[in-house]
Amino acid sequence: MIETSGGPDKPFPVSWDQFHRDARALAWRLHATGPFEAIVCITRGGLVPAAIVSRELDLRIIETISIVTYRDYKTQAEPQVVKSVEGRLLATQGEGILVIDDLVDTGTTARIVRGLLPKAHFAAVYAKPLGRPLVDTFVTEVSQDTWIYFPWDTQLSYAPPIRGKE
């Protein structure tokens, strides 16, 4: 297994409100790029932005692909495709398809999806430098050593000050 460069050293917590705004901003950017026939979301992280973008762009066909790369919140393992895309979409190599994920980090997942759907338009809400070349559209770039805490992975609790008692 590979220890990622992320981790809690540079936390970037994202609230539900912020994520919704960022996903809508992604939809605005994608509106000028389409039209698209369907969305393929990368599960699990791509489910939420796919729902928001599908509403904003009035897309009703949503397919999923599931690739497991993280075994816990910061340890990557060999990627494993546990659910692929339906054959009809694979046959077109992704032409007219919008692929959505919450984040492109190292690009491991994006490379697999690009291999299956090379003609698709790949979008992510957030992008890190190593994965950035693999997405066509994104909203916010964060540093490679930043760890994004998505709202579905967190709960409200006390947060110590950045500069604590030393």
N, C-alpha and C. Protein backbone atom coordinates (compact mmCIF):
# COMPACT_ATOMS: atom_id res chain seq x y z
N MET A 1 0.83 -1.18 0.00
CA MET A 1 0.00 0.00 0.00
C MET A 1 0.87 1.25 0.00
N ILE A 2 0.30 2.32 -0.50
CA ILE A 2 1.04 3.57 -0.65
C ILE A 2 0.45 4.60 0.31
N GLU A 3 1.31 5.24 1.08
CA GLU A 3 0.86 6.33 1.95
C GLU A 3 0.77 7.58 1.08
N THR A 4 -0.37 8.24 1.07
CA THR A 4 -0.53 9.43 0.23
C THR A 4 0.21 10.60 0.84
N SER A 5 0.41 11.62 0.03
CA SER A 5 1.05 12.83 0.53
C SER A 5 0.06 13.70 1.29
N GLY A 6 -1.21 13.30 1.28
CA GLY A 6 -2.25 14.06 1.97
C GLY A 6 -2.18 13.83 3.46
N GLY A 7 -3.30 13.66 4.08
CA GLY A 7 -3.35 13.46 5.51
C GLY A 7 -3.81 14.73 6.19
N PRO A 8 -3.93 14.68 7.48
CA PRO A 8 -4.51 15.81 8.19
C PRO A 8 -3.59 17.00 8.41
N ASP A 9 -2.37 17.03 7.83
CA ASP A 9 -1.45 18.14 8.05
C ASP A 9 -1.98 19.45 7.49
N LYS A 10 -2.63 19.43 6.34
CA LYS A 10 -3.22 20.62 5.74
C LYS A 10 -4.70 20.34 5.49
N PRO A 11 -5.50 20.37 6.53
CA PRO A 11 -6.92 20.05 6.35
C PRO A 11 -7.68 21.16 5.63
N PHE A 12 -8.61 20.76 4.78
CA PHE A 12 -9.49 21.68 4.06
C PHE A 12 -10.91 21.15 4.22
N PRO A 13 -11.58 21.51 5.31
CA PRO A 13 -12.95 21.02 5.51
C PRO A 13 -13.92 21.77 4.60
N VAL A 14 -14.81 21.02 3.97
CA VAL A 14 -15.81 21.59 3.07
C VAL A 14 -17.19 21.31 3.65
N SER A 15 -17.98 22.36 3.84
CA SER A 15 -19.34 22.21 4.37
C SER A 15 -20.29 21.80 3.24
N TRP A 16 -21.48 21.36 3.63
CA TRP A 16 -22.50 21.03 2.63
C TRP A 16 -22.83 22.25 1.77
N ASP A 17 -22.97 23.41 2.40
CA ASP A 17 -23.27 24.64 1.65
C ASP A 17 -22.19 24.96 0.64
N GLN A 18 -20.93 24.89 1.08
CA GLN A 18 -19.82 25.19 0.18
C GLN A 18 -19.75 24.17 -0.96
N PHE A 19 -19.95 22.91 -0.64
CA PHE A 19 -19.88 21.89 -1.69
C PHE A 19 -20.99 22.10 -2.71
N HIS A 20 -22.19 22.44 -2.24
CA HIS A 20 -23.31 22.70 -3.15
C HIS A 20 -23.00 23.88 -4.06
N ARG A 21 -22.45 24.96 -3.50
CA ARG A 21 -22.07 26.12 -4.32
C ARG A 21 -21.00 25.73 -5.35
N ASP A 22 -20.01 24.96 -4.93
CA ASP A 22 -18.94 24.57 -5.84
C ASP A 22 -19.46 23.64 -6.95
N ALA A 23 -20.36 22.73 -6.61
CA ALA A 23 -20.93 21.82 -7.62
C ALA A 23 -21.80 22.60 -8.61
N ARG A 24 -22.52 23.61 -8.12
CA ARG A 24 -23.31 24.46 -9.04
C ARG A 24 -22.38 25.28 -9.93
N ALA A 25 -21.26 25.73 -9.39
CA ALA A 25 -20.28 26.46 -10.20
C ALA A 25 -19.73 25.54 -11.30
N LEU A 26 -19.52 24.27 -10.96
CA LEU A 26 -19.09 23.29 -11.96
C LEU A 26 -20.14 23.16 -13.06
N ALA A 27 -21.40 23.10 -12.67
CA ALA A 27 -22.49 23.01 -13.65
C ALA A 27 -22.50 24.21 -14.59
N TRP A 28 -22.27 25.40 -14.05
CA TRP A 28 -22.21 26.60 -14.89
C TRP A 28 -21.11 26.48 -15.92
N ARG A 29 -19.96 26.00 -15.51
CA ARG A 29 -18.84 25.83 -16.45
C ARG A 29 -19.15 24.78 -17.50
N LEU A 30 -19.82 23.71 -17.08
CA LEU A 30 -20.13 22.61 -18.00
C LEU A 30 -21.24 22.97 -18.98
N HIS A 31 -22.11 23.87 -18.59
CA HIS A 31 -23.24 24.27 -19.44
C HIS A 31 -22.76 24.74 -20.82
N ALA A 32 -21.69 25.50 -20.85
CA ALA A 32 -21.16 26.01 -22.11
C ALA A 32 -20.40 24.94 -22.89
N THR A 33 -20.05 23.85 -22.24
CA THR A 33 -19.25 22.80 -22.86
C THR A 33 -20.09 21.75 -23.58
N GLY A 34 -21.27 21.45 -23.05
CA GLY A 34 -22.13 20.39 -23.56
C GLY A 34 -22.61 20.65 -24.96
N PRO A 35 -23.68 20.00 -25.36
CA PRO A 35 -24.56 19.20 -24.51
C PRO A 35 -24.01 17.79 -24.28
N PHE A 36 -24.48 17.20 -23.20
CA PHE A 36 -24.12 15.84 -22.85
C PHE A 36 -25.36 14.97 -22.87
N GLU A 37 -25.17 13.69 -23.19
CA GLU A 37 -26.29 12.75 -23.23
C GLU A 37 -26.50 12.08 -21.87
N ALA A 38 -25.41 11.90 -21.13
CA ALA A 38 -25.49 11.17 -19.86
C ALA A 38 -24.30 11.55 -18.99
N ILE A 39 -24.45 11.21 -17.72
CA ILE A 39 -23.38 11.40 -16.75
C ILE A 39 -22.90 10.03 -16.29
N VAL A 40 -21.61 9.88 -16.18
CA VAL A 40 -21.02 8.73 -15.50
C VAL A 40 -20.34 9.30 -14.26
N CYS A 41 -20.85 8.93 -13.09
CA CYS A 41 -20.20 9.44 -11.88
C CYS A 41 -19.33 8.35 -11.28
N ILE A 42 -18.20 8.79 -10.75
CA ILE A 42 -17.26 7.88 -10.11
C ILE A 42 -17.67 7.79 -8.65
N THR A 43 -18.06 6.58 -8.24
CA THR A 43 -18.53 6.42 -6.87
C THR A 43 -17.36 6.10 -5.95
N ARG A 44 -17.55 6.61 -4.77
CA ARG A 44 -18.72 7.21 -4.18
C ARG A 44 -18.71 8.71 -4.26
N GLY A 45 -17.53 9.32 -4.28
CA GLY A 45 -17.44 10.77 -4.22
C GLY A 45 -18.16 11.52 -5.31
N GLY A 46 -18.29 10.93 -6.48
CA GLY A 46 -18.94 11.62 -7.59
C GLY A 46 -20.46 11.62 -7.54
N LEU A 47 -21.03 10.85 -6.61
CA LEU A 47 -22.50 10.78 -6.54
C LEU A 47 -23.15 12.12 -6.23
N VAL A 48 -22.64 12.82 -5.25
CA VAL A 48 -23.26 14.09 -4.84
C VAL A 48 -23.12 15.15 -5.93
N PRO A 49 -21.91 15.42 -6.45
CA PRO A 49 -21.86 16.43 -7.51
C PRO A 49 -22.63 16.01 -8.76
N ALA A 50 -22.70 14.71 -9.06
CA ALA A 50 -23.47 14.26 -10.22
C ALA A 50 -24.95 14.59 -10.05
N ALA A 51 -25.47 14.42 -8.84
CA ALA A 51 -26.88 14.74 -8.60
C ALA A 51 -27.13 16.23 -8.82
N ILE A 52 -26.22 17.06 -8.33
CA ILE A 52 -26.39 18.51 -8.47
C ILE A 52 -26.25 18.93 -9.94
N VAL A 53 -25.22 18.45 -10.61
CA VAL A 53 -24.99 18.81 -12.01
C VAL A 53 -26.12 18.28 -12.89
N SER A 54 -26.59 17.07 -12.62
CA SER A 54 -27.67 16.51 -13.44
C SER A 54 -28.93 17.36 -13.34
N ARG A 55 -29.21 17.88 -12.14
CA ARG A 55 -30.37 18.76 -11.97
C ARG A 55 -30.18 20.06 -12.75
N GLU A 56 -29.01 20.66 -12.61
CA GLU A 56 -28.74 21.95 -13.24
C GLU A 56 -28.70 21.86 -14.76
N LEU A 57 -28.22 20.75 -15.29
CA LEU A 57 -28.11 20.59 -16.75
C LEU A 57 -29.24 19.76 -17.33
N ASP A 58 -30.20 19.38 -16.48
CA ASP A 58 -31.36 18.59 -16.89
C ASP A 58 -30.95 17.30 -17.60
N LEU A 59 -30.02 16.58 -17.00
CA LEU A 59 -29.60 15.27 -17.50
C LEU A 59 -30.24 14.19 -16.65
N ARG A 60 -30.93 13.25 -17.28
CA ARG A 60 -31.65 12.21 -16.54
C ARG A 60 -30.93 10.87 -16.50
N ILE A 61 -30.01 10.66 -17.41
CA ILE A 61 -29.31 9.38 -17.45
C ILE A 61 -28.02 9.51 -16.65
N ILE A 62 -27.96 8.76 -15.54
CA ILE A 62 -26.78 8.77 -14.68
C ILE A 62 -26.32 7.34 -14.48
N GLU A 63 -25.10 7.07 -14.86
CA GLU A 63 -24.48 5.76 -14.72
C GLU A 63 -23.36 5.90 -13.70
N THR A 64 -22.94 4.79 -13.14
CA THR A 64 -21.85 4.83 -12.18
C THR A 64 -20.72 3.90 -12.59
N ILE A 65 -19.54 4.26 -12.13
CA ILE A 65 -18.39 3.37 -12.18
C ILE A 65 -17.79 3.44 -10.79
N SER A 66 -17.42 2.30 -10.26
CA SER A 66 -16.86 2.26 -8.91
C SER A 66 -15.45 1.70 -8.95
N ILE A 67 -14.53 2.53 -8.50
CA ILE A 67 -13.12 2.15 -8.45
C ILE A 67 -12.64 2.39 -7.03
N VAL A 68 -12.15 1.35 -6.40
CA VAL A 68 -11.67 1.47 -5.02
C VAL A 68 -10.17 1.70 -5.06
N THR A 69 -9.74 2.83 -4.48
CA THR A 69 -8.31 3.11 -4.39
C THR A 69 -7.87 3.33 -2.95
N TYR A 70 -8.75 3.86 -2.12
CA TYR A 70 -8.40 4.10 -0.72
C TYR A 70 -8.97 3.00 0.16
N ARG A 71 -8.14 2.44 1.02
CA ARG A 71 -8.60 1.41 1.94
C ARG A 71 -9.02 2.02 3.27
N ASP A 72 -8.40 3.13 3.63
CA ASP A 72 -8.86 3.95 4.75
C ASP A 72 -8.72 5.38 4.26
N TYR A 73 -8.89 6.35 5.11
CA TYR A 73 -8.97 7.71 4.60
C TYR A 73 -7.67 8.27 4.02
N LYS A 74 -6.51 7.63 4.27
CA LYS A 74 -5.29 8.20 3.68
C LYS A 74 -4.32 7.16 3.12
N THR A 75 -4.70 5.92 2.99
CA THR A 75 -3.82 4.90 2.47
C THR A 75 -4.36 4.35 1.15
N GLN A 76 -3.58 4.52 0.08
CA GLN A 76 -3.99 4.02 -1.21
C GLN A 76 -3.45 2.61 -1.43
N ALA A 77 -4.23 1.82 -2.16
CA ALA A 77 -3.82 0.48 -2.55
C ALA A 77 -3.96 0.38 -4.07
N GLU A 78 -3.68 -0.78 -4.61
CA GLU A 78 -3.87 -0.99 -6.04
C GLU A 78 -5.34 -0.72 -6.39
N PRO A 79 -5.60 0.06 -7.42
CA PRO A 79 -6.99 0.35 -7.77
C PRO A 79 -7.71 -0.90 -8.26
N GLN A 80 -8.97 -0.97 -7.91
CA GLN A 80 -9.79 -2.11 -8.29
C GLN A 80 -11.14 -1.61 -8.81
N VAL A 81 -11.47 -1.96 -10.06
CA VAL A 81 -12.77 -1.61 -10.62
C VAL A 81 -13.77 -2.62 -10.09
N VAL A 82 -14.67 -2.18 -9.22
CA VAL A 82 -15.65 -3.10 -8.63
C VAL A 82 -16.99 -3.03 -9.35
N LYS A 83 -17.21 -1.99 -10.16
CA LYS A 83 -18.39 -1.90 -11.03
C LYS A 83 -18.02 -1.04 -12.23
N SER A 84 -18.19 -1.59 -13.40
CA SER A 84 -17.86 -0.86 -14.62
C SER A 84 -19.09 -0.17 -15.20
N VAL A 85 -18.90 0.51 -16.29
CA VAL A 85 -19.96 1.23 -16.99
C VAL A 85 -20.66 0.28 -17.94
N GLU A 86 -21.94 0.53 -18.18
CA GLU A 86 -22.70 -0.35 -19.09
C GLU A 86 -22.08 -0.34 -20.48
N GLY A 87 -22.22 -1.45 -21.16
CA GLY A 87 -21.58 -1.67 -22.46
C GLY A 87 -21.93 -0.65 -23.52
N ARG A 88 -23.16 -0.15 -23.54
CA ARG A 88 -23.57 0.83 -24.54
C ARG A 88 -22.72 2.10 -24.47
N LEU A 89 -22.40 2.53 -23.26
CA LEU A 89 -21.58 3.72 -23.10
C LEU A 89 -20.12 3.44 -23.43
N LEU A 90 -19.65 2.24 -23.10
CA LEU A 90 -18.28 1.87 -23.44
C LEU A 90 -18.09 1.79 -24.96
N ALA A 91 -19.14 1.35 -25.67
CA ALA A 91 -19.05 1.19 -27.12
C ALA A 91 -18.80 2.52 -27.83
N THR A 92 -19.27 3.63 -27.26
CA THR A 92 -19.07 4.95 -27.88
C THR A 92 -17.76 5.58 -27.43
N GLN A 93 -17.00 4.90 -26.57
CA GLN A 93 -15.77 5.41 -25.98
C GLN A 93 -16.02 6.69 -25.18
N GLY A 94 -17.28 6.88 -24.79
CA GLY A 94 -17.62 8.03 -23.95
C GLY A 94 -18.04 9.27 -24.69
N GLU A 95 -18.19 9.20 -25.99
CA GLU A 95 -18.60 10.38 -26.74
C GLU A 95 -19.96 10.88 -26.25
N GLY A 96 -20.05 12.17 -25.92
CA GLY A 96 -21.28 12.76 -25.41
C GLY A 96 -21.52 12.48 -23.94
N ILE A 97 -20.53 11.91 -23.27
CA ILE A 97 -20.68 11.52 -21.87
C ILE A 97 -19.89 12.49 -20.99
N LEU A 98 -20.47 12.84 -19.86
CA LEU A 98 -19.83 13.67 -18.86
C LEU A 98 -19.45 12.78 -17.68
N VAL A 99 -18.18 12.72 -17.36
CA VAL A 99 -17.70 11.96 -16.21
C VAL A 99 -17.48 12.94 -15.07
N ILE A 100 -18.05 12.62 -13.89
CA ILE A 100 -17.95 13.54 -12.75
C ILE A 100 -17.39 12.82 -11.53
N ASP A 101 -16.49 13.53 -10.85
CA ASP A 101 -15.97 13.07 -9.56
C ASP A 101 -15.87 14.28 -8.64
N ASP A 102 -15.77 14.01 -7.35
CA ASP A 102 -15.63 15.11 -6.40
C ASP A 102 -14.23 15.71 -6.46
N LEU A 103 -13.22 14.87 -6.67
CA LEU A 103 -11.83 15.30 -6.59
C LEU A 103 -10.97 14.45 -7.51
N VAL A 104 -10.05 15.09 -8.20
CA VAL A 104 -8.99 14.35 -8.87
C VAL A 104 -7.73 14.64 -8.07
N ASP A 105 -7.15 13.60 -7.50
CA ASP A 105 -6.02 13.73 -6.58
C ASP A 105 -4.73 13.38 -7.31
N THR A 106 -4.34 12.13 -7.29
CA THR A 106 -3.11 11.70 -7.97
C THR A 106 -3.37 11.36 -9.44
N GLY A 107 -4.64 11.19 -9.80
CA GLY A 107 -5.00 10.85 -11.16
C GLY A 107 -5.17 9.37 -11.40
N THR A 108 -4.97 8.55 -10.38
CA THR A 108 -5.07 7.10 -10.53
C THR A 108 -6.44 6.69 -11.06
N THR A 109 -7.49 7.14 -10.42
CA THR A 109 -8.85 6.79 -10.85
C THR A 109 -9.15 7.39 -12.21
N ALA A 110 -8.79 8.64 -12.41
CA ALA A 110 -9.06 9.31 -13.68
C ALA A 110 -8.41 8.58 -14.85
N ARG A 111 -7.20 8.07 -14.66
CA ARG A 111 -6.52 7.35 -15.75
C ARG A 111 -7.30 6.10 -16.14
N ILE A 112 -7.82 5.40 -15.16
CA ILE A 112 -8.60 4.19 -15.45
C ILE A 112 -9.86 4.55 -16.24
N VAL A 113 -10.57 5.58 -15.78
CA VAL A 113 -11.80 5.99 -16.46
C VAL A 113 -11.49 6.53 -17.86
N ARG A 114 -10.43 7.30 -17.99
CA ARG A 114 -10.03 7.81 -19.31
C ARG A 114 -9.71 6.65 -20.26
N GLY A 115 -9.12 5.59 -19.72
CA GLY A 115 -8.83 4.42 -20.56
C GLY A 115 -10.09 3.76 -21.08
N LEU A 116 -11.15 3.77 -20.27
CA LEU A 116 -12.43 3.16 -20.68
C LEU A 116 -13.27 4.09 -21.55
N LEU A 117 -13.21 5.39 -21.25
CA LEU A 117 -14.04 6.38 -21.94
C LEU A 117 -13.17 7.55 -22.44
N PRO A 118 -12.30 7.29 -23.40
CA PRO A 118 -11.33 8.32 -23.81
C PRO A 118 -11.96 9.57 -24.44
N LYS A 119 -13.18 9.47 -24.98
CA LYS A 119 -13.82 10.62 -25.63
C LYS A 119 -14.74 11.39 -24.69
N ALA A 120 -14.85 10.96 -23.44
CA ALA A 120 -15.73 11.63 -22.48
C ALA A 120 -15.11 12.94 -22.01
N HIS A 121 -15.97 13.80 -21.50
CA HIS A 121 -15.53 15.05 -20.88
C HIS A 121 -15.43 14.78 -19.38
N PHE A 122 -14.26 14.97 -18.80
CA PHE A 122 -14.02 14.64 -17.40
C PHE A 122 -14.05 15.91 -16.57
N ALA A 123 -14.91 15.92 -15.53
CA ALA A 123 -15.04 17.09 -14.65
C ALA A 123 -14.93 16.67 -13.20
N ALA A 124 -14.35 17.55 -12.40
CA ALA A 124 -14.25 17.33 -10.96
C ALA A 124 -14.48 18.67 -10.26
N VAL A 125 -15.01 18.60 -9.08
CA VAL A 125 -15.21 19.84 -8.32
C VAL A 125 -13.86 20.39 -7.89
N TYR A 126 -12.99 19.53 -7.37
CA TYR A 126 -11.68 19.95 -6.88
C TYR A 126 -10.59 19.18 -7.63
N ALA A 127 -9.44 19.81 -7.80
CA ALA A 127 -8.32 19.18 -8.48
C ALA A 127 -7.02 19.48 -7.75
N LYS A 128 -6.15 18.48 -7.69
CA LYS A 128 -4.80 18.65 -7.16
C LYS A 128 -3.84 18.61 -8.34
N PRO A 129 -2.64 19.18 -8.19
CA PRO A 129 -1.71 19.29 -9.32
C PRO A 129 -1.40 17.99 -10.06
N LEU A 130 -1.23 16.87 -9.34
CA LEU A 130 -0.90 15.61 -10.03
C LEU A 130 -2.05 15.11 -10.91
N GLY A 131 -3.27 15.38 -10.51
CA GLY A 131 -4.42 14.92 -11.27
C GLY A 131 -4.96 15.94 -12.24
N ARG A 132 -4.60 17.18 -12.07
CA ARG A 132 -5.14 18.29 -12.87
C ARG A 132 -5.08 18.07 -14.38
N PRO A 133 -3.99 17.52 -14.95
CA PRO A 133 -3.95 17.33 -16.40
C PRO A 133 -4.99 16.33 -16.93
N LEU A 134 -5.58 15.55 -16.04
CA LEU A 134 -6.52 14.52 -16.47
C LEU A 134 -7.97 14.98 -16.52
N VAL A 135 -8.26 16.19 -16.02
CA VAL A 135 -9.64 16.69 -16.04
C VAL A 135 -9.76 17.82 -17.06
N ASP A 136 -10.92 17.88 -17.68
CA ASP A 136 -11.20 18.94 -18.66
C ASP A 136 -11.76 20.18 -17.98
N THR A 137 -12.54 19.99 -16.92
CA THR A 137 -13.18 21.10 -16.22
C THR A 137 -13.13 20.83 -14.72
N PHE A 138 -12.81 21.87 -13.95
CA PHE A 138 -12.85 21.77 -12.49
C PHE A 138 -13.15 23.16 -11.95
N VAL A 139 -13.40 23.25 -10.63
CA VAL A 139 -13.74 24.53 -10.02
C VAL A 139 -12.57 25.09 -9.22
N THR A 140 -12.01 24.30 -8.32
CA THR A 140 -10.99 24.79 -7.40
C THR A 140 -9.79 23.86 -7.38
N GLU A 141 -8.60 24.45 -7.50
CA GLU A 141 -7.38 23.67 -7.36
C GLU A 141 -6.83 23.86 -5.96
N VAL A 142 -6.43 22.77 -5.33
CA VAL A 142 -5.80 22.81 -4.01
C VAL A 142 -4.43 22.15 -4.12
N SER A 143 -3.55 22.45 -3.18
CA SER A 143 -2.20 21.89 -3.21
C SER A 143 -2.24 20.37 -3.02
N GLN A 144 -1.22 19.71 -3.49
CA GLN A 144 -1.16 18.25 -3.42
C GLN A 144 -1.16 17.76 -1.98
N ASP A 145 -0.60 18.53 -1.05
CA ASP A 145 -0.53 18.09 0.33
C ASP A 145 -1.73 18.52 1.18
N THR A 146 -2.78 18.98 0.53
CA THR A 146 -4.02 19.34 1.22
C THR A 146 -4.92 18.12 1.26
N TRP A 147 -5.57 17.91 2.40
CA TRP A 147 -6.53 16.82 2.53
C TRP A 147 -7.92 17.43 2.65
N ILE A 148 -8.77 17.14 1.67
CA ILE A 148 -10.13 17.67 1.68
C ILE A 148 -11.02 16.76 2.51
N TYR A 149 -11.68 17.37 3.49
CA TYR A 149 -12.67 16.65 4.29
C TYR A 149 -14.04 17.00 3.75
N PHE A 150 -14.65 16.05 3.05
CA PHE A 150 -15.97 16.28 2.46
C PHE A 150 -17.05 16.20 3.52
N PRO A 151 -18.17 16.88 3.31
CA PRO A 151 -19.20 16.93 4.36
C PRO A 151 -19.77 15.56 4.70
N TRP A 152 -19.78 14.62 3.77
CA TRP A 152 -20.32 13.29 4.06
C TRP A 152 -19.33 12.43 4.86
N ASP A 153 -18.11 12.92 5.04
CA ASP A 153 -17.10 12.18 5.81
C ASP A 153 -16.86 12.78 7.19
N THR A 154 -17.57 13.84 7.55
CA THR A 154 -17.26 14.55 8.78
C THR A 154 -18.50 14.74 9.64
N GLN A 155 -18.25 15.20 10.85
CA GLN A 155 -19.33 15.59 11.75
C GLN A 155 -18.84 16.83 12.51
N LEU A 156 -19.77 17.58 13.04
CA LEU A 156 -19.38 18.78 13.78
C LEU A 156 -18.77 18.41 15.11
N SER A 157 -17.64 19.00 15.41
CA SER A 157 -16.99 18.81 16.71
C SER A 157 -16.00 19.96 16.92
N TYR A 158 -15.46 20.04 18.12
CA TYR A 158 -14.50 21.09 18.45
C TYR A 158 -13.26 20.99 17.57
N ALA A 159 -12.78 22.13 17.11
CA ALA A 159 -11.55 22.18 16.34
C ALA A 159 -10.55 23.04 17.08
N PRO A 160 -9.39 22.50 17.42
CA PRO A 160 -8.37 23.31 18.12
C PRO A 160 -7.85 24.40 17.20
N PRO A 161 -7.37 25.53 17.77
CA PRO A 161 -6.79 26.59 16.96
C PRO A 161 -5.57 26.10 16.19
N ILE A 162 -5.28 26.72 15.09
CA ILE A 162 -4.11 26.34 14.30
C ILE A 162 -2.85 26.51 15.15
N ARG A 163 -2.76 27.61 15.84
CA ARG A 163 -1.61 27.83 16.72
C ARG A 163 -2.06 27.55 18.14
N GLY A 164 -1.79 26.35 18.57
CA GLY A 164 -2.22 25.92 19.89
C GLY A 164 -1.16 26.22 20.95
N LYS A 165 -1.45 25.81 22.12
CA LYS A 165 -0.47 25.97 23.20
C LYS A 165 0.66 25.00 22.97
N GLU A 166 1.85 25.53 22.95
CA GLU A 166 3.01 24.69 22.62
C GLU A 166 3.88 24.47 23.81
